[in-house]
Structures are given as structure tokens and as C-alpha cells.
């Protein structure tokens, strides 16, 4: 994979990651330190959380493969 395509995949991952945080912040307020305060969370659709997490995880595994191939490592 060329560098440009690899960078597109990294940027896609970062975008998905930020979207996941934005989604969670709609339902979970932050505390005084800026951390998500789950004790004050509204109800959240578990299926939507899982769907978003699964897509993010898939992209992370894709990035892992790119990194392993670029570095010439063997996957474990």
C-alpha cells in the first residue's frame, strides 16, 4: 500500500474516533475535569453504540495491518 492510501486510512480512523466521542458526549456529560461522567448519563441506544464501536474497531484492525505490513513485521 502506498503512503497516500495509508494516510487516508489513518485519517478515516481519526475521523471515526472523533465522531464516536461526539456521539457519546451527546448522552454523557463531562465532569469538572473534562472526563465523561457516566453517573449522570442519559439513556443511550446500545445497538447504536455497538454499531459505531464495531466500525471503529474494524478500522483500527485495518490500520494495524497497514502498520505491520509497512514495518515488515509478522502479525501476532
Protein backbone atom coordinates (compact mmCIF):
# COMPACT_ATOMS: atom_id res chain seq x y z
CA UNK A 1 0.00 0.00 0.00
CA UNK A 2 1.36 3.41 -0.88
CA UNK A 3 1.84 6.17 1.67
CA UNK A 4 -1.06 8.28 0.37
CA UNK A 5 -3.57 5.42 0.69
CA UNK A 6 -2.23 4.54 4.15
CA UNK A 7 -2.65 8.16 5.27
CA UNK A 8 -6.25 8.14 4.01
CA UNK A 9 -6.95 5.12 6.22
CA UNK A 10 -5.31 6.78 9.24
CA UNK A 11 -7.37 9.95 8.68
CA UNK A 12 -10.53 7.88 8.32
CA UNK A 13 -9.78 6.23 11.67
CA UNK A 14 -9.19 9.58 13.39
CA UNK A 15 -12.45 10.97 11.95
CA UNK A 16 -14.41 7.94 13.16
CA UNK A 17 -12.77 8.18 16.59
CA UNK A 18 -13.76 11.83 16.98
CA UNK A 19 -17.30 11.07 15.80
CA UNK A 20 -17.55 8.35 18.46
CA UNK A 21 -16.56 10.83 21.19
CA UNK A 22 -19.02 13.41 19.84
CA UNK A 23 -21.78 10.79 19.86
CA UNK A 24 -21.02 9.77 23.46
CA UNK A 25 -20.89 13.39 24.59
CA UNK A 26 -24.47 13.88 23.39
CA UNK A 27 -25.62 11.45 26.09
CA UNK A 28 -22.89 11.62 28.74
CA UNK A 29 -21.98 14.97 30.33
CA UNK A 30 -18.44 15.77 31.37
CA UNK A 31 -17.35 16.34 34.94
CA UNK A 32 -15.28 19.29 36.21
CA UNK A 33 -12.08 17.60 34.96
CA UNK A 34 -13.45 17.11 31.45
CA UNK A 35 -13.92 13.33 31.79
CA UNK A 36 -17.18 11.66 30.81
CA UNK A 37 -19.40 11.38 33.91
CA UNK A 38 -21.25 8.10 33.42
CA UNK A 39 -23.14 8.55 36.69
CA UNK A 40 -25.11 11.36 35.01
CA UNK A 41 -25.57 9.71 31.62
CA UNK A 42 -28.85 9.71 29.76
CA UNK A 43 -30.18 6.53 28.21
CA UNK A 44 -28.24 5.60 25.11
CA UNK A 45 -29.13 3.15 22.35
CA UNK A 46 -26.89 0.13 22.95
CA UNK A 47 -27.22 -1.08 19.36
CA UNK A 48 -26.04 2.26 18.01
CA UNK A 49 -23.10 2.28 20.43
CA UNK A 50 -22.15 -1.23 19.33
CA UNK A 51 -22.52 -0.43 15.62
CA UNK A 52 -20.30 2.63 15.95
CA UNK A 53 -17.76 0.76 18.09
CA UNK A 54 -17.66 -2.16 15.64
CA UNK A 55 -16.91 0.15 12.70
CA UNK A 56 -14.23 1.94 14.71
CA UNK A 57 -12.69 -1.39 15.78
CA UNK A 58 -12.71 -2.65 12.19
CA UNK A 59 -10.88 0.47 11.05
CA UNK A 60 -8.36 0.09 13.88
CA UNK A 61 -7.67 -3.51 12.82
CA UNK A 62 -7.23 -2.29 9.24
CA UNK A 63 -4.70 0.30 10.44
CA UNK A 64 -2.90 -2.40 12.46
CA UNK A 65 -2.49 -4.45 9.29
CA UNK A 66 -1.14 -1.46 7.40
CA UNK A 67 1.38 -0.72 10.15
CA UNK A 68 2.51 -4.35 10.34
CA UNK A 69 2.99 -4.52 6.57
CA UNK A 70 4.77 -1.16 6.37
CA UNK A 71 7.17 -2.13 9.14
CA UNK A 72 7.74 -5.63 7.75
CA UNK A 73 6.57 -7.29 10.96
CA UNK A 74 4.72 -10.55 11.42
CA UNK A 75 1.23 -10.29 12.85
CA UNK A 76 0.64 -11.98 16.20
